[in-house]
Each structure stands twice: as structure tokens, then as C-alpha cells.
Amino acid sequence: MTLLQEFDFEVDKDIKEVASKVVEFHGDLIKASPVDTGEFRDAWELIPNGKLSWTIFNPQSYSSILWAGRKVINDRTYGSEQWPEGGEPMVDKLREDLSK
């Protein structure tokens, strides 16, 4: 069963469209995640909290560093070369898609 099928309760078309975009966003996060050992990419979780509420998170201890993007602080570089922009631009795109 796919994640979208799990959300396939009797709701109106708009809610199904939002759910579809959230599930797609979750998949996009997985695809965009940098890979060293694969643990970060494989750890993404999508949890429904209700009809229009979901939590997407990554429990890896270093996820906030990767999420913030590549940064230089006090002459030390943090983040991933594979994901220099981090996750925020993806959230901005999701917000834009949902506002349409």
C-alpha cells in the first residue's frame, strides 16, 4: 500500500490534492537527501496527524545540520556538498504549490 492510499479516506477533492502534494514532497525529500551511508535518506518519516496535518521529520542526530544547507561558520564548513541549499527551498516550493 502506498502512503497516498493510506490517506485515501472519504474526504473532498481539495484535501486529497493537499495530501497528494505532501506525499510527493516526502518523496522529493528522500530523492534530494545527500547520501553517504544512506541512513539520512532512509530515515525520513511521514506521519498523518489528521485530515490536513502531517509531520515530516528525520530523526538522525545530524539532520538539522544537513537541513540548514552548507554554511561556513568561524572558518569551519558545515553541511553537505551534495545538498548545499538544504531543505528550506523545498519547503518554500511546497508552500507555493499549496497556495495555488
Protein backbone atom coordinates (compact mmCIF):
# COMPACT_ATOMS: atom_id res chain seq x y z
CA MET A 1 0.00 0.00 0.00
CA THR A 2 1.35 3.45 -0.89
CA LEU A 3 1.39 6.38 1.50
CA LEU A 4 -1.25 8.11 -0.58
CA GLN A 5 -3.56 5.09 -0.33
CA GLU A 6 -3.20 5.23 3.44
CA PHE A 7 -4.62 8.77 3.30
CA ASP A 8 -7.44 7.70 0.98
CA PHE A 9 -10.27 8.21 3.43
CA GLU A 10 -13.53 9.80 2.35
CA VAL A 11 -12.62 13.45 2.02
CA ASP A 12 -13.25 16.11 -0.55
CA LYS A 13 -11.09 16.61 -3.62
CA ASP A 14 -9.14 19.57 -2.15
CA ILE A 15 -7.98 17.57 0.87
CA LYS A 16 -6.92 14.69 -1.39
CA GLU A 17 -4.97 17.14 -3.52
CA VAL A 18 -3.16 18.53 -0.45
CA ALA A 19 -2.43 15.00 0.79
CA SER A 20 -1.05 14.11 -2.63
CA LYS A 21 1.28 17.13 -2.58
CA VAL A 22 2.50 16.26 0.93
CA VAL A 23 3.23 12.65 -0.09
CA GLU A 24 5.01 13.91 -3.21
CA PHE A 25 7.04 16.34 -1.08
CA HIS A 26 8.07 13.48 1.22
CA GLY A 27 9.29 11.55 -1.83
CA ASP A 28 11.14 14.61 -3.12
CA LEU A 29 12.91 14.96 0.24
CA ILE A 30 14.06 11.37 0.05
CA LYS A 31 15.36 11.85 -3.51
CA ALA A 32 17.12 15.13 -2.68
CA SER A 33 18.75 13.87 0.52
CA PRO A 34 22.52 13.60 0.42
CA VAL A 35 23.89 10.09 0.66
CA ASP A 36 26.99 8.91 2.46
CA THR A 37 25.84 5.79 4.27
CA GLY A 38 22.16 6.18 3.25
CA GLU A 39 20.98 6.45 6.85
CA PHE A 40 19.80 10.06 6.48
CA ARG A 41 17.92 9.38 3.24
CA ASP A 42 16.30 6.25 4.65
CA ALA A 43 15.21 7.89 7.92
CA TRP A 44 12.55 10.32 6.61
CA GLU A 45 9.18 9.76 8.26
CA LEU A 46 5.72 11.00 7.24
CA ILE A 47 3.11 10.81 9.97
CA PRO A 48 -0.52 11.88 9.46
CA ASN A 49 -1.87 13.91 12.39
CA GLY A 50 -5.36 14.42 10.99
CA LYS A 51 -7.10 15.31 7.75
CA LEU A 52 -4.93 18.34 6.99
CA SER A 53 -1.95 17.87 9.27
CA TRP A 54 1.21 15.85 8.75
CA THR A 55 4.60 15.69 10.37
CA ILE A 56 7.62 15.06 8.18
CA PHE A 57 10.87 14.66 10.04
CA ASN A 58 14.22 12.97 10.04
CA PRO A 59 15.35 11.63 13.43
CA GLN A 60 19.05 11.44 12.55
CA SER A 61 21.10 13.45 15.05
CA TYR A 62 22.77 15.46 12.27
CA SER A 63 19.62 16.18 10.24
CA SER A 64 19.39 19.83 11.37
CA ILE A 65 22.90 20.45 10.04
CA LEU A 66 22.05 19.00 6.63
CA TRP A 67 18.65 20.72 6.60
CA ALA A 68 20.26 24.14 7.14
CA GLY A 69 22.39 23.78 4.00
CA ARG A 70 26.08 24.30 3.52
CA LYS A 71 27.43 27.06 5.76
CA VAL A 72 30.79 28.42 6.85
CA ILE A 73 30.89 29.45 10.49
CA ASN A 74 34.12 30.66 12.11
CA ASP A 75 36.13 29.33 9.16
CA ARG A 76 34.62 25.87 9.54
CA THR A 77 32.30 24.37 6.91
CA TYR A 78 29.13 22.54 7.94
CA GLY A 79 26.56 20.72 5.83
CA SER A 80 26.69 18.65 2.71
CA GLU A 81 28.28 19.39 -0.64
CA GLN A 82 25.53 17.21 -2.14
CA TRP A 83 22.74 19.38 -0.66
CA PRO A 84 24.26 22.88 -0.38
CA GLU A 85 20.91 24.67 -0.34
CA GLY A 86 19.46 22.39 2.34
CA GLY A 87 15.76 21.73 2.77
CA GLU A 88 14.21 25.18 3.17
CA PRO A 89 13.93 25.93 -0.58
CA MET A 90 11.94 22.70 -0.92
CA VAL A 91 9.54 23.85 1.82
CA ASP A 92 9.17 27.21 0.07
CA LYS A 93 8.25 25.42 -3.15
CA LEU A 94 5.69 23.26 -1.32
CA ARG A 95 4.11 26.35 0.24
CA GLU A 96 3.92 27.95 -3.19
CA ASP A 97 2.34 24.82 -4.68
CA LEU A 98 -0.23 24.63 -1.88
CA SER A 99 -1.22 28.28 -2.28
CA LYS A 100 -2.28 27.73 -5.90
